[in-house]
Amino acid sequence: MPWGYGTPDGAYHCSHMTRRADFDKIELHLIRVLQTLITERSVSRAAMRLASTQPAVSAQLKRLRALTGDPLLVRAGNVMTPTETALQLLDPASRLLQDADRLFSPRNRARGFEPAEAALTFRIAASDYLDPLFLPELAAHLQRAAPRARLELLPLSGAFDYRRSLAQGQVDLVIGNWLEPPGELHLGRLMSDEIVCLVAEDHPAARLSARAWTAERYLECRHVAPTPLHGNTPGVIDEHLASLGLSRDVSVKSAHFSLIPMMVARSALVLTTGRLFCSRYANTLPVRILRCPVAFPPLTYYQLWHELTHASAANRWLREQVREVARQLAAPALPERRP
């Protein structure tokens, strides 16, 4: 005899499966019919409120009676009266409809995100290549705008699989620079910056004229570069140089990008990166910003996010704040200094 028949356990299993099948057939509209019938205490009035017909509502009442095992509405003289079970079902039905409205109502979607009341955590993976002031300013900005929210800043490094982290909802945003951002992610451009060189004040290149500071001399220098963000791939500078058939001598690689300007100030190393980053150090360290003699495309910074959070009101708000902070910091950089 097959399992499930002729035994107490089998009888329970069949009964449970039958109830589950009945439950799966309940649609939200049937809950609204239940609530309306109980409150109106009339099939005809319920039909009017539901913009339906009496035969349709009567058929739905029959289904509800079968599902609940209760008559729900009984005749008392010339009126219909809800049973005790029906009255007990009214509050759960109303709450269920209210919850569904919160989930799916266009009105509530339009209401959007209330940052002043939000007590949630934003997780952002970012490099510090854009601007040494960017992440501190972003943290301060979010604290002012959403004081109950929390911010977790994660390092964007070669060991960090940002694509998987976005897809799994472990981070909300990734901020960095790419020559070609990954196509499967949504992206928002934050800013573009000119590629320049940062050298010490007493570096030989600082004493050269613009014409004498050639690509050949640039490539002969010793260079410092940040550790690439994307695994074993070269950074955007070396990637572009390779596309031109060129290469440079990277003597120092550092995962601590904010420390590189101090290394430059104390050595003959050349840093090649965005003007905005370099300009933050031009008045505080003995360094100079020089035009890069190799032609580079603009260094473009993006914020990336996954389809998982694309429609989220909270994440849309977060992306707007990131864009605004980047816009405010993108002030004109200092001009090149010449001997």
Protein backbone atom coordinates (compact mmCIF):
# COMPACT_ATOMS: atom_id res chain seq x y z
CA MET A 1 0.00 0.00 0.00
CA PRO A 2 1.49 3.39 -0.91
CA TRP A 3 2.58 5.64 1.94
CA GLY A 4 -0.11 8.08 2.98
CA TYR A 5 -3.10 5.75 2.80
CA GLY A 6 -4.65 3.59 5.48
CA THR A 7 -2.47 4.95 8.30
CA PRO A 8 -3.00 7.78 10.84
CA ASP A 9 0.11 9.56 9.52
CA GLY A 10 -1.14 9.19 5.97
CA ALA A 11 -4.54 10.58 6.88
CA TYR A 12 -2.90 13.61 8.50
CA HIS A 13 -0.66 14.10 5.48
CA CYS A 14 -3.58 14.05 3.03
CA SER A 15 -5.60 16.41 5.21
CA HIS A 16 -2.66 18.80 5.53
CA MET A 17 -2.02 18.79 1.79
CA THR A 18 -5.70 19.43 1.07
CA ARG A 19 -5.76 22.42 3.41
CA ARG A 20 -2.56 23.76 1.82
CA ALA A 21 -4.05 23.40 -1.66
CA ASP A 22 -7.15 25.30 -0.52
CA PHE A 23 -5.00 28.02 1.06
CA ASP A 24 -2.96 28.47 -2.12
CA LYS A 25 -6.15 29.20 -4.04
CA ILE A 26 -7.03 32.22 -1.87
CA GLU A 27 -6.46 35.47 -3.73
CA LEU A 28 -6.34 38.95 -2.23
CA HIS A 29 -9.66 39.92 -3.82
CA LEU A 30 -11.39 37.11 -1.90
CA ILE A 31 -10.13 38.65 1.37
CA ARG A 32 -11.60 41.99 0.28
CA VAL A 33 -14.93 40.26 -0.46
CA LEU A 34 -14.85 38.70 3.03
CA GLN A 35 -14.23 42.06 4.70
CA THR A 36 -16.91 43.81 2.64
CA LEU A 37 -19.54 41.14 3.27
CA ILE A 38 -18.97 41.28 7.02
CA THR A 39 -19.06 45.08 7.19
CA GLU A 40 -22.02 45.53 4.79
CA ARG A 41 -23.96 42.47 6.08
CA SER A 42 -25.60 42.23 2.67
CA VAL A 43 -24.67 40.47 -0.55
CA SER A 44 -26.31 43.18 -2.68
CA ARG A 45 -24.62 46.10 -0.88
CA ALA A 46 -21.28 44.25 -0.95
CA ALA A 47 -21.68 43.74 -4.70
CA MET A 48 -22.25 47.48 -5.17
CA ARG A 49 -19.19 48.43 -3.12
CA LEU A 50 -17.04 45.93 -4.98
CA ALA A 51 -18.37 47.02 -8.40
CA SER A 52 -19.44 43.42 -8.91
CA THR A 53 -22.71 41.51 -9.31
CA GLN A 54 -24.86 39.68 -6.79
CA PRO A 55 -24.34 36.24 -8.42
CA ALA A 56 -20.55 36.74 -8.40
CA VAL A 57 -20.49 37.81 -4.73
CA SER A 58 -22.83 34.95 -3.79
CA ALA A 59 -20.45 32.49 -5.47
CA GLN A 60 -17.52 34.01 -3.56
CA LEU A 61 -19.44 33.78 -0.28
CA LYS A 62 -19.98 30.09 -1.02
CA ARG A 63 -16.21 29.67 -1.48
CA LEU A 64 -15.52 31.53 1.77
CA ARG A 65 -17.96 29.31 3.67
CA ALA A 66 -16.23 26.23 2.34
CA LEU A 67 -12.79 27.57 3.24
CA THR A 68 -13.72 28.68 6.78
CA GLY A 69 -16.20 25.91 7.59
CA ASP A 70 -18.63 28.56 8.83
CA PRO A 71 -21.76 30.18 7.32
CA LEU A 72 -20.28 33.66 8.04
CA LEU A 73 -23.58 35.47 7.32
CA VAL A 74 -26.94 34.10 8.59
CA ARG A 75 -30.41 35.49 8.15
CA ALA A 76 -32.05 37.08 11.18
CA GLY A 77 -35.50 38.24 10.14
CA ASN A 78 -35.11 40.53 7.14
CA VAL A 79 -31.38 41.17 7.59
CA MET A 80 -28.14 39.18 7.44
CA THR A 81 -26.04 38.95 10.59
CA PRO A 82 -22.36 37.97 10.78
CA THR A 83 -21.56 34.92 12.86
CA GLU A 84 -19.10 35.00 15.75
CA THR A 85 -16.44 33.47 13.47
CA ALA A 86 -17.06 36.18 10.87
CA LEU A 87 -16.60 38.93 13.46
CA GLN A 88 -13.34 37.30 14.59
CA LEU A 89 -12.11 37.25 10.98
CA LEU A 90 -12.82 40.93 10.35
CA ASP A 91 -9.71 42.38 12.02
CA PRO A 92 -7.23 39.90 10.46
CA ALA A 93 -8.79 40.51 7.04
CA SER A 94 -8.51 44.29 7.45
CA ARG A 95 -4.88 44.07 8.58
CA LEU A 96 -4.03 41.82 5.64
CA LEU A 97 -5.52 44.31 3.20
CA GLN A 98 -3.68 47.20 4.86
CA ASP A 99 -0.39 45.32 4.66
CA ALA A 100 -1.00 44.56 0.98
CA ASP A 101 -1.71 48.24 0.38
CA ARG A 102 1.61 49.18 2.00
CA LEU A 103 3.38 46.63 -0.16
CA PHE A 104 1.87 47.44 -3.52
CA SER A 105 0.06 50.78 -3.42
CA PRO A 106 1.37 53.32 -5.97
CA ARG A 107 0.56 56.03 -3.43
CA ASN A 108 2.96 54.56 -0.89
CA ARG A 109 5.62 53.95 -3.53
CA ALA A 110 5.38 57.60 -4.51
CA ARG A 111 5.76 58.67 -0.89
CA GLY A 112 9.33 57.41 -1.11
CA PHE A 113 11.97 57.37 1.56
CA GLU A 114 11.91 59.49 4.73
CA PRO A 115 15.62 59.95 5.60
CA ALA A 116 15.00 61.78 8.89
CA GLU A 117 13.14 58.74 10.28
CA ALA A 118 15.09 55.92 8.63
CA ALA A 119 16.94 53.56 10.97
CA LEU A 120 18.74 51.36 8.47
CA THR A 121 22.31 50.60 7.42
CA PHE A 122 23.85 51.69 4.13
CA ARG A 123 26.87 49.70 2.94
CA ILE A 124 29.21 51.28 0.40
CA ALA A 125 32.41 49.81 -1.05
CA ALA A 126 34.64 52.60 -2.30
CA SER A 127 38.17 53.48 -3.26
CA ASP A 128 39.76 56.68 -1.99
CA TYR A 129 41.09 57.52 -5.45
CA LEU A 130 38.42 60.13 -6.19
CA ASP A 131 39.23 62.67 -3.52
CA PRO A 132 40.63 62.32 0.01
CA LEU A 133 37.74 64.50 1.21
CA PHE A 134 35.00 62.51 -0.51
CA LEU A 135 34.32 59.72 2.00
CA PRO A 136 34.61 61.98 5.09
CA GLU A 137 32.25 64.51 3.50
CA LEU A 138 29.82 61.77 2.45
CA ALA A 139 29.74 60.38 6.00
CA ALA A 140 29.08 63.85 7.46
CA HIS A 141 26.42 64.59 4.83
CA LEU A 142 24.54 61.35 5.53
CA GLN A 143 24.69 61.93 9.29
CA ARG A 144 23.05 65.32 8.82
CA ALA A 145 20.41 64.12 6.38
CA ALA A 146 19.62 60.74 7.97
CA PRO A 147 20.72 60.94 11.63
CA ARG A 148 19.30 57.54 12.59
CA ALA A 149 20.91 55.69 9.67
CA ARG A 150 24.22 53.84 9.87
CA LEU A 151 26.97 53.83 7.27
CA GLU A 152 29.46 51.03 6.67
CA LEU A 153 32.37 51.88 4.36
CA LEU A 154 34.17 48.88 2.89
CA PRO A 155 37.53 48.99 1.06
CA LEU A 156 37.38 48.35 -2.67
CA SER A 157 40.37 46.11 -3.21
CA GLY A 158 41.48 43.36 -5.56
CA ALA A 159 40.39 40.75 -3.02
CA PHE A 160 36.86 42.15 -2.83
CA ASP A 161 34.37 40.62 -5.29
CA TYR A 162 32.18 43.69 -5.69
CA ARG A 163 29.96 42.14 -8.39
CA ARG A 164 28.97 39.23 -6.20
CA SER A 165 28.57 41.47 -3.15
CA LEU A 166 26.16 43.71 -5.05
CA ALA A 167 24.22 40.75 -6.45
CA GLN A 168 23.85 39.20 -3.00
CA GLY A 169 22.79 42.46 -1.34
CA GLN A 170 25.90 42.60 0.86
CA VAL A 171 26.65 46.13 -0.34
CA ASP A 172 24.31 48.80 -1.72
CA LEU A 173 26.80 50.78 -3.81
CA VAL A 174 30.29 50.51 -5.23
CA ILE A 175 32.20 53.71 -6.03
CA GLY A 176 35.35 53.71 -8.13
CA ASN A 177 36.86 54.33 -11.56
CA TRP A 178 36.90 52.00 -14.54
CA LEU A 179 37.95 52.42 -18.16
CA GLU A 180 35.01 50.16 -19.03
CA PRO A 181 32.51 49.64 -16.18
CA PRO A 182 30.89 46.17 -16.01
CA GLY A 183 27.89 46.06 -18.33
CA GLU A 184 25.56 43.99 -16.15
CA LEU A 185 25.35 46.65 -13.43
CA HIS A 186 23.53 49.96 -13.29
CA LEU A 187 25.89 52.91 -13.20
CA GLY A 188 25.78 56.60 -12.51
CA ARG A 189 28.61 58.87 -13.58
CA LEU A 190 29.84 61.02 -10.70
CA MET A 191 32.57 63.08 -12.34
CA SER A 192 35.42 63.07 -14.83
CA ASP A 193 38.89 64.32 -14.05
CA GLU A 194 42.05 65.16 -15.96
CA ILE A 195 45.01 62.81 -15.60
CA VAL A 196 48.09 64.65 -14.27
CA CYS A 197 51.41 63.86 -12.61
CA LEU A 198 52.35 64.64 -9.02
CA VAL A 199 56.05 65.02 -8.27
CA ALA A 200 58.22 66.42 -5.51
CA GLU A 201 59.19 70.10 -5.72
CA ASP A 202 62.83 69.14 -6.33
CA HIS A 203 62.06 66.39 -8.88
CA PRO A 204 64.02 66.86 -12.14
CA ALA A 205 60.75 66.95 -14.10
CA ALA A 206 59.65 70.01 -12.11
CA ARG A 207 62.57 71.97 -13.62
CA LEU A 208 61.80 71.03 -17.22
CA SER A 209 59.85 73.16 -19.65
CA ALA A 210 56.53 71.84 -20.89
CA ARG A 211 58.14 70.91 -24.23
CA ALA A 212 61.03 69.07 -22.56
CA TRP A 213 58.74 67.01 -20.31
CA THR A 214 58.16 64.32 -22.94
CA ALA A 215 56.54 60.91 -22.92
CA GLU A 216 59.99 59.32 -23.18
CA ARG A 217 61.21 61.10 -20.04
CA TYR A 218 57.96 60.30 -18.25
CA LEU A 219 58.35 56.57 -18.99
CA GLU A 220 62.00 56.63 -17.86
CA CYS A 221 61.00 57.86 -14.38
CA ARG A 222 60.31 55.64 -11.39
CA HIS A 223 56.60 55.54 -10.61
CA VAL A 224 54.35 54.86 -7.65
CA ALA A 225 50.89 53.39 -8.21
CA PRO A 226 47.97 52.20 -6.11
CA THR A 227 47.35 48.48 -5.84
CA PRO A 228 44.85 47.61 -8.61
CA LEU A 229 41.25 47.39 -7.48
CA HIS A 230 40.23 44.56 -9.74
CA GLY A 231 42.15 41.40 -8.95
CA ASN A 232 45.20 40.70 -11.08
CA THR A 233 44.30 43.24 -13.79
CA PRO A 234 46.45 46.37 -14.16
CA GLY A 235 45.12 49.69 -12.96
CA VAL A 236 43.52 52.13 -15.39
CA ILE A 237 46.82 53.98 -15.99
CA ASP A 238 48.83 50.88 -16.92
CA GLU A 239 45.88 49.45 -18.82
CA HIS A 240 45.79 52.51 -21.06
CA LEU A 241 49.58 52.57 -21.46
CA ALA A 242 49.49 48.92 -22.54
CA SER A 243 46.84 49.78 -25.16
CA LEU A 244 49.36 52.26 -26.61
CA GLY A 245 52.17 49.68 -26.54
CA LEU A 246 53.89 51.48 -23.67
CA SER A 247 54.94 50.52 -20.15
CA ARG A 248 56.42 52.31 -17.14
CA ASP A 249 58.61 51.30 -14.20
CA VAL A 250 56.30 51.03 -11.18
CA SER A 251 58.80 50.90 -8.32
CA VAL A 252 56.24 51.16 -5.51
CA LYS A 253 52.70 49.84 -5.23
CA SER A 254 50.60 50.83 -2.26
CA ALA A 255 47.16 49.80 -1.04
CA HIS A 256 47.10 53.02 1.00
CA PHE A 257 46.42 55.60 -1.68
CA SER A 258 46.14 58.53 0.71
CA LEU A 259 49.75 57.97 1.80
CA ILE A 260 51.19 58.11 -1.72
CA PRO A 261 51.47 61.94 -1.91
CA MET A 262 53.76 61.86 1.15
CA MET A 263 55.88 59.19 -0.56
CA VAL A 264 56.10 61.42 -3.63
CA ALA A 265 57.12 64.44 -1.55
CA ARG A 266 60.07 62.49 -0.07
CA SER A 267 61.33 60.77 -3.23
CA ALA A 268 61.80 60.89 -6.99
CA LEU A 269 58.62 58.89 -7.59
CA VAL A 270 55.93 60.07 -10.01
CA LEU A 271 52.24 59.57 -9.23
CA THR A 272 49.84 59.60 -12.19
CA THR A 273 46.22 60.14 -11.22
CA GLY A 274 43.36 62.66 -11.27
CA ARG A 275 43.95 66.37 -10.83
CA LEU A 276 41.28 66.66 -8.14
CA PHE A 277 43.07 64.19 -5.88
CA CYS A 278 46.46 65.84 -6.42
CA SER A 279 45.12 69.34 -5.83
CA ARG A 280 44.22 68.47 -2.22
CA TYR A 281 47.95 68.14 -1.42
CA ALA A 282 49.44 70.95 -3.51
CA ASN A 283 49.32 73.50 -0.66
CA THR A 284 50.15 71.16 2.21
CA LEU A 285 53.11 69.16 0.84
CA PRO A 286 56.25 70.13 -1.13
CA VAL A 287 54.84 68.73 -4.38
CA ARG A 288 53.94 70.03 -7.84
CA ILE A 289 51.25 69.08 -10.34
CA LEU A 290 52.52 68.62 -13.90
CA ARG A 291 50.75 67.96 -17.16
CA CYS A 292 51.01 64.30 -18.11
CA PRO A 293 52.99 64.04 -21.37
CA VAL A 294 51.13 60.87 -22.41
CA ALA A 295 47.59 61.50 -23.65
CA PHE A 296 45.02 59.83 -21.41
CA PRO A 297 41.25 59.80 -21.63
CA PRO A 298 39.50 61.50 -18.70
CA LEU A 299 39.50 59.54 -15.46
CA THR A 300 35.80 58.88 -14.86
CA TYR A 301 34.34 57.89 -11.51
CA TYR A 302 31.09 55.96 -11.22
CA GLN A 303 28.73 54.58 -8.66
CA LEU A 304 27.56 51.06 -9.50
CA TRP A 305 24.53 49.19 -8.20
CA HIS A 306 22.62 46.01 -8.92
CA GLU A 307 19.10 45.48 -10.23
CA LEU A 308 18.35 44.09 -6.75
CA THR A 309 18.32 47.61 -5.28
CA HIS A 310 17.52 49.61 -8.40
CA ALA A 311 13.89 50.39 -7.45
CA SER A 312 14.48 50.80 -3.71
CA ALA A 313 13.42 54.28 -2.52
CA ALA A 314 16.13 54.25 0.18
CA ASN A 315 18.83 53.32 -2.31
CA ARG A 316 17.65 55.87 -4.85
CA TRP A 317 17.97 58.50 -2.12
CA LEU A 318 21.46 57.24 -1.22
CA ARG A 319 22.61 57.48 -4.83
CA GLU A 320 21.32 61.05 -5.02
CA GLN A 321 23.34 61.98 -1.91
CA VAL A 322 26.51 60.43 -3.33
CA ARG A 323 26.03 62.35 -6.57
CA GLU A 324 25.46 65.61 -4.71
CA VAL A 325 28.57 65.25 -2.54
CA ALA A 326 30.68 64.46 -5.62
CA ARG A 327 29.26 67.51 -7.40
CA GLN A 328 30.09 69.81 -4.49
CA LEU A 329 33.68 68.56 -4.24
CA ALA A 330 34.39 68.84 -7.95
CA ALA A 331 35.73 72.38 -7.64
CA PRO A 332 38.29 73.67 -10.19
CA ALA A 333 41.68 72.17 -9.44
CA LEU A 334 44.80 74.23 -8.95
CA PRO A 335 46.75 75.21 -12.08
CA GLU A 336 50.03 73.60 -12.92
CA ARG A 337 53.03 75.22 -11.29
CA ARG A 338 55.99 75.96 -13.50
CA PRO A 339 59.53 76.96 -12.53
